[in-house]
Structures are given as C-alpha cells and as structure tokens.
N, C-alpha and C. Protein backbone atom coordinates (compact mmCIF):
# COMPACT_ATOMS: atom_id res chain seq x y z
N MET A 1 117.01 171.53 92.41
CA MET A 1 116.39 169.72 92.92
C MET A 1 117.05 169.79 93.90
N THR A 2 116.39 169.24 94.87
CA THR A 2 116.91 169.09 96.34
C THR A 2 118.03 167.73 96.25
N ARG A 3 119.14 167.40 96.63
CA ARG A 3 120.15 166.36 96.78
C ARG A 3 119.73 165.59 98.01
N LEU A 4 119.64 164.34 98.09
CA LEU A 4 119.18 163.91 99.44
C LEU A 4 120.68 163.72 99.64
N PRO A 5 120.93 163.57 100.83
CA PRO A 5 122.31 162.90 101.62
C PRO A 5 122.76 161.24 101.23
N LEU A 6 123.73 161.26 100.85
CA LEU A 6 124.09 160.05 100.61
C LEU A 6 123.89 158.53 101.38
N VAL A 7 123.35 158.93 102.96
CA VAL A 7 123.25 158.11 103.95
C VAL A 7 121.43 157.92 103.50
N ILE A 8 120.71 159.00 103.12
CA ILE A 8 119.37 158.77 103.08
C ILE A 8 119.16 157.55 102.10
N TRP A 9 119.79 157.59 100.97
CA TRP A 9 119.79 156.99 99.65
C TRP A 9 119.90 155.48 100.05
N THR A 10 121.35 155.70 100.95
CA THR A 10 121.37 153.83 101.14
C THR A 10 120.67 153.62 101.65
N LEU A 11 120.31 154.63 103.24
CA LEU A 11 118.54 153.77 104.15
C LEU A 11 117.85 153.24 103.12
N ALA A 12 117.74 154.28 102.12
CA ALA A 12 116.12 153.90 101.18
C ALA A 12 116.32 152.49 101.13
N LEU A 13 117.60 152.23 99.79
CA LEU A 13 117.40 151.34 99.31
C LEU A 13 117.94 149.98 100.18
N ALA A 14 118.20 149.85 101.27
CA ALA A 14 118.18 148.73 102.48
C ALA A 14 116.67 148.70 102.85
N LEU A 15 116.05 149.84 102.69
CA LEU A 15 114.87 149.14 103.07
C LEU A 15 114.29 148.34 101.83
N LEU A 16 114.45 149.01 100.84
CA LEU A 16 113.78 147.94 99.64
C LEU A 16 114.25 146.47 99.94
N GLY A 17 115.56 146.85 99.86
CA GLY A 17 116.22 144.90 99.64
C GLY A 17 115.49 144.29 100.82
N GLY A 18 115.07 144.93 102.10
CA GLY A 18 114.69 144.25 103.27
C GLY A 18 113.67 144.06 102.53
N CYS A 19 112.32 144.74 102.12
CA CYS A 19 111.26 144.17 102.00
C CYS A 19 110.88 143.24 101.22
N GLY A 20 112.16 142.77 100.15
CA GLY A 20 112.22 141.86 99.07
C GLY A 20 112.62 140.53 99.98
N ALA A 21 113.20 141.01 100.86
CA ALA A 21 113.73 139.84 101.49
C ALA A 21 112.61 139.37 102.50
N ILE A 22 111.97 140.18 102.49
CA ILE A 22 111.04 139.84 103.78
C ILE A 22 109.89 139.28 103.17
N SER A 23 109.56 139.50 102.27
CA SER A 23 108.60 139.13 101.15
C SER A 23 109.06 137.62 100.41
N ALA A 24 110.05 137.10 100.38
CA ALA A 24 110.80 136.01 100.03
C ALA A 24 110.67 135.04 101.21
N VAL A 25 111.13 135.38 102.48
CA VAL A 25 110.68 134.52 103.40
C VAL A 25 109.50 134.36 103.70
N SER A 26 108.81 135.52 103.45
CA SER A 26 107.14 134.90 103.97
C SER A 26 106.39 134.06 102.94
N LYS A 27 106.94 134.20 101.74
CA LYS A 27 106.86 133.23 101.21
C LYS A 27 107.08 131.41 100.58
N SER A 28 108.47 131.73 101.13
CA SER A 28 109.09 130.28 101.79
C SER A 28 108.47 129.77 102.91
N ALA A 29 107.68 130.39 103.38
CA ALA A 29 107.74 129.98 105.17
C ALA A 29 105.97 129.53 105.01
N ALA A 30 105.32 129.77 103.89
CA ALA A 30 104.26 129.45 103.66
C ALA A 30 103.82 127.84 103.78
N PRO A 31 102.89 127.43 104.27
CA PRO A 31 102.87 125.99 104.77
C PRO A 31 102.52 125.74 103.51
N LEU A 32 102.93 124.19 103.20
CA LEU A 32 102.49 122.99 102.10
C LEU A 32 101.62 122.61 102.41
N ASP A 33 100.35 121.75 101.94
CA ASP A 33 99.35 120.88 102.29
C ASP A 33 100.20 119.78 102.35
N ALA A 34 99.58 118.83 103.49
CA ALA A 34 100.19 117.77 103.94
C ALA A 34 98.97 116.69 103.28
N TYR A 35 99.53 115.37 102.71
CA TYR A 35 98.68 114.62 102.85
C TYR A 35 99.24 113.23 103.17
N THR A 36 98.37 112.21 103.51
CA THR A 36 98.60 111.01 104.20
C THR A 36 97.39 109.85 103.34
N LEU A 37 97.85 108.61 103.79
CA LEU A 37 97.16 107.21 103.09
C LEU A 37 96.13 106.87 103.70
N SER A 38 95.51 106.05 103.66
CA SER A 38 94.45 105.26 104.56
C SER A 38 95.16 104.01 104.59
N PRO A 39 95.14 103.18 105.70
CA PRO A 39 95.21 101.39 106.08
C PRO A 39 94.49 101.23 105.51
N LEU A 40 94.05 99.59 105.88
CA LEU A 40 92.91 98.81 105.45
C LEU A 40 91.97 98.80 107.03
N ALA A 41 90.90 99.00 106.07
CA ALA A 41 89.58 99.81 107.43
C ALA A 41 89.49 98.39 108.10
N VAL A 42 88.72 98.71 108.85
CA VAL A 42 87.95 97.83 109.83
C VAL A 42 86.74 97.11 109.38
N THR A 43 86.90 95.64 109.10
CA THR A 43 85.78 95.16 108.42
C THR A 43 84.88 94.57 109.46
N GLY A 44 85.02 94.13 110.53
CA GLY A 44 84.39 93.68 111.80
C GLY A 44 86.07 93.94 112.84
N ALA A 45 84.72 92.50 113.70
CA ALA A 45 85.83 92.68 115.09
C ALA A 45 87.30 91.77 114.91
N ALA A 46 88.40 92.62 115.64
CA ALA A 46 89.77 92.09 114.80
C ALA A 46 90.06 90.99 115.27
N ALA A 47 90.55 89.98 114.45
CA ALA A 47 91.27 88.49 115.46
C ALA A 47 91.85 88.56 116.27
N ALA A 48 91.87 87.84 117.33
CA ALA A 48 92.49 87.32 118.22
C ALA A 48 94.25 87.06 117.83
N GLY A 49 95.02 86.61 118.40
CA GLY A 49 95.85 86.07 118.15
C GLY A 49 97.05 86.18 119.61
N SER A 50 98.08 85.23 119.40
CA SER A 50 99.15 85.35 120.62
C SER A 50 100.20 85.94 120.48
N ARG A 51 100.75 86.00 119.14
CA ARG A 51 101.96 86.76 118.62
C ARG A 51 102.12 88.26 119.00
N HIS A 52 103.14 88.46 119.21
CA HIS A 52 103.56 89.68 119.05
C HIS A 52 104.92 89.95 117.87
N ILE A 53 104.43 91.40 117.37
CA ILE A 53 105.26 91.39 116.28
C ILE A 53 106.02 93.00 116.17
N VAL A 54 106.85 92.94 116.06
CA VAL A 54 107.33 94.33 115.93
C VAL A 54 107.61 94.80 114.35
N VAL A 55 106.99 95.99 113.84
CA VAL A 55 106.64 96.73 112.82
C VAL A 55 108.17 97.91 112.55
N GLU A 56 109.38 97.07 111.93
CA GLU A 56 110.33 98.03 112.04
C GLU A 56 110.36 99.18 110.92
N LEU A 57 110.95 100.38 111.42
CA LEU A 57 110.96 101.32 110.18
C LEU A 57 111.42 100.74 108.95
N PRO A 58 110.60 101.17 107.26
CA PRO A 58 111.16 100.37 106.68
C PRO A 58 112.95 101.39 105.58
N SER A 59 113.74 100.67 105.29
CA SER A 59 114.92 101.41 104.91
C SER A 59 114.27 102.07 103.22
N SER A 60 114.81 102.52 102.61
CA SER A 60 114.89 103.21 101.11
C SER A 60 115.70 104.08 100.93
N ALA A 61 115.69 104.04 99.47
CA ALA A 61 116.76 105.30 98.92
C ALA A 61 116.84 106.36 99.57
N ALA A 62 117.56 107.02 98.97
CA ALA A 62 117.78 108.64 99.76
C ALA A 62 116.29 109.30 99.47
N GLU A 63 115.85 108.81 98.06
CA GLU A 63 114.82 110.11 97.02
C GLU A 63 114.11 109.67 97.86
N LEU A 64 113.48 108.83 98.73
CA LEU A 64 112.27 108.81 99.24
C LEU A 64 112.56 108.59 100.53
N ALA A 65 113.50 109.17 100.98
CA ALA A 65 113.67 109.14 102.67
C ALA A 65 113.53 110.54 103.20
N THR A 66 111.90 110.88 102.34
CA THR A 66 112.01 112.58 102.41
C THR A 66 109.91 112.81 102.72
N ASP A 67 109.54 113.65 103.42
CA ASP A 67 107.91 113.87 103.20
C ASP A 67 107.59 114.72 101.79
N ARG A 68 108.94 114.87 101.16
CA ARG A 68 107.99 115.42 99.26
C ARG A 68 107.76 114.22 98.82
N ILE A 69 106.55 114.44 97.82
CA ILE A 69 106.14 113.58 97.23
C ILE A 69 107.05 113.36 95.55
N LEU A 70 107.77 112.14 95.51
CA LEU A 70 108.36 112.09 94.53
C LEU A 70 107.62 112.08 92.97
N ILE A 71 108.02 112.77 92.28
CA ILE A 71 107.94 112.64 91.01
C ILE A 71 109.20 112.24 89.73
N LYS A 72 108.80 111.41 88.98
CA LYS A 72 110.00 110.52 88.26
C LYS A 72 109.81 111.44 86.46
N PRO A 73 110.26 111.98 85.92
CA PRO A 73 109.96 112.10 84.39
C PRO A 73 110.71 111.26 83.78
N THR A 74 111.77 110.87 84.03
CA THR A 74 112.36 109.58 83.85
C THR A 74 112.70 108.73 84.78
N ALA A 75 113.45 107.48 84.36
CA ALA A 75 113.98 106.70 85.61
C ALA A 75 115.14 107.61 86.14
N LEU A 76 115.85 108.33 85.48
CA LEU A 76 117.29 108.71 86.15
C LEU A 76 116.96 110.00 86.35
N GLN A 77 115.72 110.47 86.73
CA GLN A 77 115.30 112.19 87.42
C GLN A 77 114.27 112.19 88.20
N ALA A 78 114.44 112.77 89.44
CA ALA A 78 114.36 112.80 90.47
C ALA A 78 113.55 114.42 90.61
N GLN A 79 112.10 114.40 90.66
CA GLN A 79 111.18 115.93 91.21
C GLN A 79 110.51 115.50 92.56
N TYR A 80 110.26 117.14 92.90
CA TYR A 80 109.25 116.66 93.56
C TYR A 80 107.98 117.38 93.62
N LEU A 81 107.05 116.95 94.03
CA LEU A 81 105.52 117.88 93.93
C LEU A 81 105.35 118.73 94.44
N PRO A 82 105.11 120.17 94.11
CA PRO A 82 105.85 121.86 94.85
C PRO A 82 105.06 121.74 95.30
N GLY A 83 103.33 121.45 95.63
CA GLY A 83 102.23 122.19 96.02
C GLY A 83 101.77 121.31 97.46
N GLY A 84 102.67 119.93 97.63
CA GLY A 84 102.06 119.34 98.92
C GLY A 84 103.46 118.22 99.20
N THR A 85 103.34 117.68 100.22
CA THR A 85 104.14 117.16 101.36
C THR A 85 103.50 115.93 101.72
N TRP A 86 103.82 114.69 101.85
CA TRP A 86 103.49 113.66 103.11
C TRP A 86 103.50 114.06 104.69
N THR A 87 102.48 113.49 105.43
CA THR A 87 102.26 114.03 106.72
C THR A 87 103.76 113.68 107.67
N ASP A 88 104.28 112.58 107.13
CA ASP A 88 105.87 112.22 107.91
C ASP A 88 106.51 111.88 106.29
N PRO A 89 107.91 111.65 106.67
CA PRO A 89 108.59 110.98 105.36
C PRO A 89 108.06 109.44 105.13
N ALA A 90 108.38 108.91 103.90
CA ALA A 90 107.66 107.80 102.93
C ALA A 90 108.24 106.81 103.85
N PRO A 91 109.23 106.43 104.45
CA PRO A 91 109.17 105.35 105.16
C PRO A 91 108.57 105.33 106.25
N ALA A 92 108.54 106.38 107.22
CA ALA A 92 107.86 106.48 108.15
C ALA A 92 106.11 106.43 108.30
N LEU A 93 105.47 106.92 107.14
CA LEU A 93 104.51 107.11 106.55
C LEU A 93 104.22 105.16 106.34
N MET A 94 104.69 104.80 105.78
CA MET A 94 104.76 103.40 105.47
C MET A 94 104.56 102.39 106.40
N GLN A 95 105.58 102.58 107.54
CA GLN A 95 105.43 101.86 108.38
C GLN A 95 104.38 102.57 109.75
N THR A 96 103.30 103.46 109.37
CA THR A 96 102.26 103.59 110.24
C THR A 96 101.13 102.51 109.47
N LEU A 97 100.85 103.12 108.06
CA LEU A 97 100.20 102.27 107.53
C LEU A 97 100.14 100.53 108.06
N LEU A 98 101.09 100.11 107.42
CA LEU A 98 101.68 98.84 108.31
C LEU A 98 100.75 98.32 109.07
N LEU A 99 101.53 99.09 110.48
CA LEU A 99 101.27 99.13 111.62
C LEU A 99 99.54 99.14 112.11
N THR A 100 99.16 99.64 111.32
CA THR A 100 97.76 100.05 111.63
C THR A 100 96.94 99.44 110.87
N SER A 101 97.10 98.78 109.99
CA SER A 101 96.42 98.10 109.27
C SER A 101 96.80 96.26 109.73
N LEU A 102 97.86 95.92 110.24
CA LEU A 102 97.69 94.98 111.11
C LEU A 102 96.73 94.67 112.46
N GLN A 103 96.82 96.49 112.90
CA GLN A 103 96.15 96.39 114.51
C GLN A 103 94.67 96.20 114.05
N ASN A 104 94.30 96.70 112.69
CA ASN A 104 92.78 96.74 112.28
C ASN A 104 92.28 95.44 111.76
N VAL A 105 93.24 94.67 111.34
CA VAL A 105 93.15 93.60 110.81
C VAL A 105 93.14 92.10 111.92
N GLY A 106 93.66 92.64 113.16
CA GLY A 106 94.19 91.49 114.22
C GLY A 106 94.52 90.32 113.79
N GLY A 107 94.67 89.50 114.70
CA GLY A 107 95.53 88.26 114.33
C GLY A 107 96.82 88.12 114.89
N PHE A 108 97.38 89.37 115.92
CA PHE A 108 98.12 89.54 116.89
C PHE A 108 98.07 89.85 118.50
N ARG A 109 98.63 89.07 118.89
CA ARG A 109 98.23 89.99 120.60
C ARG A 109 98.72 91.23 120.68
N LEU A 110 99.95 91.49 120.20
CA LEU A 110 100.56 93.03 120.00
C LEU A 110 101.21 93.72 118.80
N VAL A 111 101.11 94.46 118.37
CA VAL A 111 101.69 95.04 116.95
C VAL A 111 102.39 96.45 117.32
N SER A 112 103.27 96.37 117.37
CA SER A 112 104.18 97.35 117.63
C SER A 112 105.18 98.04 116.84
N ARG A 113 105.76 99.31 117.32
CA ARG A 113 107.29 99.79 116.51
C ARG A 113 108.19 99.75 117.00
N VAL A 114 108.22 99.18 118.26
CA VAL A 114 109.40 98.78 119.18
C VAL A 114 109.14 97.79 120.16
N GLY A 115 110.20 97.22 120.38
CA GLY A 115 109.34 95.75 121.55
C GLY A 115 108.87 96.20 122.72
N ALA A 116 109.10 97.92 123.41
CA ALA A 116 109.26 97.61 124.13
C ALA A 116 108.78 97.13 125.44
N GLY A 117 110.23 96.83 125.84
CA GLY A 117 110.63 96.17 126.98
C GLY A 117 110.48 94.54 126.65
N LEU A 118 109.87 94.34 125.58
CA LEU A 118 108.92 93.15 125.50
C LEU A 118 110.11 91.87 124.52
N THR A 119 110.46 90.97 124.53
CA THR A 119 110.94 90.29 123.11
C THR A 119 109.69 89.92 121.96
N PRO A 120 109.33 90.43 121.01
CA PRO A 120 108.92 89.60 120.38
C PRO A 120 108.65 88.64 119.42
N ASP A 121 107.81 88.29 119.13
CA ASP A 121 107.76 87.06 118.38
C ASP A 121 108.00 86.88 116.86
N TYR A 122 107.77 88.18 116.41
CA TYR A 122 108.77 88.39 115.28
C TYR A 122 108.58 89.74 115.02
N THR A 123 109.39 90.28 113.94
CA THR A 123 110.11 91.29 113.22
C THR A 123 109.77 91.17 112.08
N LEU A 124 108.95 92.39 111.34
CA LEU A 124 108.50 92.72 110.14
C LEU A 124 109.72 93.51 109.61
N MET A 125 110.59 93.21 108.66
CA MET A 125 111.02 94.36 107.73
C MET A 125 110.87 94.67 106.64
N THR A 126 111.30 96.14 106.38
CA THR A 126 110.33 96.41 104.98
C THR A 126 111.61 97.44 104.04
N GLU A 127 111.59 97.06 103.02
CA GLU A 127 112.58 98.03 102.14
C GLU A 127 111.48 98.06 101.21
N LEU A 128 111.52 100.03 100.79
CA LEU A 128 110.53 100.68 100.36
C LEU A 128 111.30 100.93 99.28
N GLN A 129 111.00 100.33 98.28
CA GLN A 129 111.35 99.96 96.97
C GLN A 129 111.14 101.25 96.02
N ALA A 130 109.83 101.58 96.28
CA ALA A 130 109.23 102.37 94.88
C ALA A 130 108.07 103.21 95.51
N PHE A 131 108.07 104.18 95.54
CA PHE A 131 106.84 105.35 96.27
C PHE A 131 106.77 106.44 95.55
N GLN A 132 106.40 106.69 94.68
CA GLN A 132 106.39 107.98 93.23
C GLN A 132 105.33 107.64 92.42
N ALA A 133 105.46 108.90 91.68
CA ALA A 133 104.31 109.43 90.58
C ALA A 133 105.30 109.32 89.46
N GLU A 134 104.92 108.85 88.34
CA GLU A 134 106.06 108.93 86.90
C GLU A 134 105.12 109.36 85.91
N THR A 135 105.77 110.48 85.02
CA THR A 135 105.17 110.73 83.87
C THR A 135 106.15 111.16 82.90
N SER A 136 105.24 110.86 81.72
CA SER A 136 106.20 110.60 80.47
C SER A 136 106.68 112.10 80.12
N ALA A 137 107.86 112.36 79.86
CA ALA A 137 108.23 113.83 79.21
C ALA A 137 107.81 114.05 77.80
N THR A 138 107.98 112.78 77.37
CA THR A 138 107.70 112.67 75.37
C THR A 138 105.90 112.54 75.19
N ASP A 139 105.17 112.31 76.19
CA ASP A 139 103.79 112.45 75.98
C ASP A 139 102.86 112.60 77.28
N PRO A 140 102.99 114.16 77.26
CA PRO A 140 102.28 114.41 78.56
C PRO A 140 101.07 114.19 78.88
N THR A 141 99.95 113.70 77.45
CA THR A 141 98.73 113.20 77.43
C THR A 141 98.35 111.81 78.33
N SER A 142 99.59 111.15 78.71
CA SER A 142 99.85 109.78 79.08
C SER A 142 98.80 109.56 80.13
N GLY A 143 98.65 110.49 81.21
CA GLY A 143 98.64 110.43 82.58
C GLY A 143 99.63 110.72 83.58
N VAL A 144 99.33 110.05 84.58
CA VAL A 144 100.58 109.95 85.69
C VAL A 144 100.15 108.41 86.55
N THR A 145 101.14 107.55 86.20
CA THR A 145 101.36 106.24 86.63
C THR A 145 101.80 106.36 88.02
N ILE A 146 101.28 105.69 89.09
CA ILE A 146 101.72 105.38 90.64
C ILE A 146 102.33 104.35 90.95
N GLN A 147 103.37 104.10 91.12
CA GLN A 147 104.37 102.93 91.64
C GLN A 147 104.73 103.06 93.30
N ILE A 148 104.35 101.92 93.54
CA ILE A 148 104.61 101.80 95.00
C ILE A 148 104.91 99.73 94.90
N ALA A 149 106.39 99.51 95.71
CA ALA A 149 106.98 98.43 96.18
C ALA A 149 107.60 98.10 96.82
N ALA A 150 107.33 97.26 98.01
CA ALA A 150 108.03 96.94 99.15
C ALA A 150 108.30 95.67 99.16
N LEU A 151 109.63 95.40 99.33
CA LEU A 151 110.00 94.29 99.98
C LEU A 151 110.08 93.57 101.46
N MET A 152 109.46 93.08 101.90
CA MET A 152 109.23 92.68 103.65
C MET A 152 109.44 91.25 103.83
N THR A 153 110.45 90.89 104.72
CA THR A 153 111.02 90.00 105.31
C THR A 153 110.72 89.90 106.99
N MET A 154 109.77 89.02 106.83
CA MET A 154 109.32 88.23 108.40
C MET A 154 110.71 87.72 108.84
N ILE A 155 111.11 87.98 110.74
CA ILE A 155 111.97 87.08 111.18
C ILE A 155 111.79 86.66 112.37
N ARG A 156 112.00 85.56 112.32
CA ARG A 156 111.53 84.76 113.99
C ARG A 156 112.42 84.83 114.92
N GLU A 157 112.21 85.77 116.19
CA GLU A 157 112.90 86.39 116.77
C GLU A 157 113.56 85.20 118.00
N THR A 158 112.69 83.84 118.11
CA THR A 158 113.55 83.25 118.77
C THR A 158 114.93 82.62 118.29
N ASP A 159 115.30 82.29 117.50
CA ASP A 159 116.29 82.00 116.71
C ASP A 159 116.66 82.90 115.62
N ARG A 160 116.13 84.19 115.50
CA ARG A 160 116.52 85.27 114.34
C ARG A 160 116.84 84.53 113.16
N GLN A 161 115.97 83.72 112.50
CA GLN A 161 115.69 83.02 111.34
C GLN A 161 114.83 83.70 110.22
N ILE A 162 114.93 83.98 109.06
CA ILE A 162 114.56 84.23 108.25
C ILE A 162 112.90 83.44 107.99
N VAL A 163 111.93 83.84 108.39
CA VAL A 163 110.88 82.76 107.91
C VAL A 163 110.29 83.20 106.63
N ALA A 164 110.27 84.24 105.93
CA ALA A 164 109.59 84.08 104.62
C ALA A 164 110.19 85.72 103.95
N THR A 165 110.33 85.97 102.65
CA THR A 165 110.07 87.26 102.27
C THR A 165 109.76 87.30 100.90
N ARG A 166 109.10 88.85 100.79
CA ARG A 166 108.15 88.69 99.63
C ARG A 166 108.00 89.89 99.07
N ARG A 167 108.03 89.95 98.00
CA ARG A 167 107.89 91.59 97.44
C ARG A 167 106.62 91.72 97.03
N PHE A 168 106.23 92.99 97.49
CA PHE A 168 104.55 93.57 96.69
C PHE A 168 104.50 95.00 96.34
N ALA A 169 103.78 94.70 95.28
CA ALA A 169 103.80 95.91 93.76
C ALA A 169 102.53 96.15 93.61
N ALA A 170 102.47 97.51 93.08
CA ALA A 170 100.96 97.97 92.78
C ALA A 170 101.07 98.99 92.20
N SER A 171 100.38 99.50 90.80
CA SER A 171 100.53 100.81 90.32
C SER A 171 99.39 101.28 89.65
N THR A 172 98.96 102.06 89.79
CA THR A 172 97.43 102.62 88.84
C THR A 172 97.89 103.87 87.99
N THR A 173 97.46 104.25 87.18
CA THR A 173 97.40 105.33 86.65
C THR A 173 96.07 106.74 86.65
N VAL A 174 96.45 107.87 86.65
CA VAL A 174 95.40 108.83 87.22
C VAL A 174 95.88 109.97 85.74
N VAL A 175 94.71 110.03 85.71
CA VAL A 175 94.56 110.74 83.52
C VAL A 175 95.08 112.28 84.06
N THR A 176 94.80 113.25 85.27
CA THR A 176 95.39 114.63 85.08
C THR A 176 96.50 114.83 86.31
N ASP A 177 97.16 115.47 86.37
CA ASP A 177 98.35 115.39 87.34
C ASP A 177 98.20 116.78 88.41
N ASP A 178 96.79 117.07 88.55
CA ASP A 178 96.42 117.62 89.77
C ASP A 178 96.58 117.03 91.03
N THR A 179 96.96 117.53 92.15
CA THR A 179 97.57 116.95 93.09
C THR A 179 96.74 116.16 93.86
N MET A 180 95.26 116.54 94.07
CA MET A 180 94.20 115.58 94.52
C MET A 180 94.00 114.27 93.84
N SER A 181 94.12 114.24 92.49
CA SER A 181 94.36 112.70 91.81
C SER A 181 95.18 112.31 92.08
N VAL A 182 96.81 112.69 91.87
CA VAL A 182 98.03 112.13 92.32
C VAL A 182 97.72 111.17 93.79
N ILE A 183 97.72 112.11 94.92
CA ILE A 183 96.90 111.81 95.73
C ILE A 183 96.10 110.19 95.83
N ALA A 184 95.12 110.25 95.19
CA ALA A 184 94.37 109.66 95.02
C ALA A 184 94.86 108.29 94.45
N GLY A 185 95.47 108.23 93.59
CA GLY A 185 96.31 107.31 92.65
C GLY A 185 97.34 106.99 93.86
N PHE A 186 97.63 107.47 94.75
CA PHE A 186 98.45 107.15 95.66
C PHE A 186 97.77 105.97 96.79
N ASP A 187 96.83 106.53 97.02
CA ASP A 187 96.30 105.77 97.74
C ASP A 187 95.73 104.67 97.49
N SER A 188 95.19 104.88 96.13
CA SER A 188 94.60 103.17 95.33
C SER A 188 95.74 102.02 95.41
N ALA A 189 96.90 103.16 95.03
CA ALA A 189 97.42 101.56 94.73
C ALA A 189 98.57 101.60 96.04
N MET A 190 98.18 101.88 97.52
CA MET A 190 98.84 101.57 98.35
C MET A 190 97.47 100.77 99.06
N GLN A 191 96.09 100.94 98.92
CA GLN A 191 95.20 99.74 99.56
C GLN A 191 95.95 97.99 98.59
N SER A 192 95.80 98.35 97.24
CA SER A 192 96.09 96.98 96.33
C SER A 192 97.45 96.46 97.21
N VAL A 193 98.57 97.33 97.63
CA VAL A 193 99.83 96.31 98.53
C VAL A 193 99.34 95.68 99.91
N LEU A 194 98.84 96.97 100.48
CA LEU A 194 98.17 96.49 102.19
C LEU A 194 97.43 95.39 101.64
N ALA A 195 96.49 95.00 100.91
CA ALA A 195 95.56 93.88 100.39
C ALA A 195 95.75 92.75 100.57
N ASP A 196 97.71 92.34 99.99
CA ASP A 196 98.39 91.19 99.68
C ASP A 196 99.27 91.44 100.50
N ALA A 197 99.64 92.46 101.35
CA ALA A 197 100.51 92.11 102.42
C ALA A 197 100.02 91.99 103.63
N ILE A 198 99.05 92.03 104.11
CA ILE A 198 98.98 92.16 105.82
C ILE A 198 98.32 90.59 105.55
N PRO A 199 97.33 90.06 104.83
CA PRO A 199 97.03 88.85 105.14
C PRO A 199 98.29 87.97 104.88
N TRP A 200 99.18 88.17 104.23
CA TRP A 200 100.66 87.24 104.05
C TRP A 200 101.62 87.30 105.43
N VAL A 201 101.56 88.47 105.98
CA VAL A 201 101.76 89.11 107.46
C VAL A 201 101.59 87.83 108.41
N ARG A 202 100.29 87.60 108.32
CA ARG A 202 99.93 87.18 109.48
C ARG A 202 99.50 85.81 109.07
N ASN A 203 100.11 85.29 108.04
CA ASN A 203 99.59 83.81 107.84
C ASN A 203 101.49 82.86 108.23
N GLN A 204 102.01 84.01 108.37
CA GLN A 204 103.50 84.01 108.75
C GLN A 204 103.54 83.10 109.96
N GLY A 205 104.63 81.85 110.39
CA GLY A 205 104.34 81.78 111.59
C GLY A 205 103.56 80.64 112.47
N GLY A 206 102.17 80.65 111.32
CA GLY A 206 101.27 79.89 112.35
C GLY A 206 100.36 81.09 113.14
C-alpha cells in the first residue's frame, strides 16, 4: 500500500477542518427573521396642537437593551428566542412606537426624538421595565404570557419640573410558543399599553 507523505496528510486534515469552519461560519451568518410592532393607527385627521414634545430613548435593564426577543422561563432566568430578533433594540423600538403613535394621533405641533435646535415644551422620559415572553418550566401546556411595562414621566422644559409620572402595563397569553404567535402576543400587549399611554401624554400640560 502506498504511503502518502506526511505533508499531504497534514494538508488533507487542514482542508477538512477548514470545511467544517466554513460551514460553521455560514450557519452563524444566516440572517434571522426580524420583527417589529404596530403603533396606534391613524383613525382620522390628526389633531392640531401648539406644543413640541421630545420622546427620549427609554432606559432599561441590560437584558432588555438588545434586539434579541427575551424569553423568561423563571423570574431569575433570561433566554432569547432563537429564530428571530426585533428590528431595533427594544428601547429604540419602544421609542419609535411612542413617537409614531403620538404623530398619528396628533395634539402636538412637533413630536421628535431630539430637540433639533429647538427648545421643546415637554420631554417624555420612559423606563422600559418589562418587554418579554414568560413560560412555565413546570407546566409547558400553560401557554406563553407576554409582559410589557413602562414607567413614563413628563418633564416641563421651561422649569424642568416633573408634570406627571405613571406606569403602564399590559399582558396577554398565547396558547402556542411558535414565533408568529409570540410576536402577535407582543403586538396585542403593546397596543394596550399605547392605547392607555398616548391619551395620557396628550393630556399633560394642557
């Protein structure tokens, strides 16, 4: 039997290892599906207003400050949905939903993320406290509960005084844990939060 030189065996092993590495890189580079949520819909002509409000980027704990979709099997455990991401990190997604909903409903002269060189009348500060799906490790048949909670504070910029603070929260349960059902649950809970929060924001400060 012909014996191959050691260098050829070494080269062959390197090529096989390279194929495995390339396969792993290709798998890890496969794009995940990205999901977003719905703002409050436009129901008619947006109401006119004279005030300018800035919607600041919400703050959050580190487990929420990501575009990964948070799943919590227990209160002390954080996992992420393997097959998808948010289109933006959760705080940025929340900011966009608040801003777009306020623009759709109206009641302000200008709604923006930053002052854009103008001094706003109000600033909306938000702490995103919950934005996750929760499952039961002991009862997998109980479905998936979606939890969204946000503490919102309105600041009057003329004197930097707190006008009002309120916590908004909503939850909904979906019967299956497939990705689209989970996303639909998030959208339903977010609609409830926005339906309460947006009129509250509009009513602050006259």
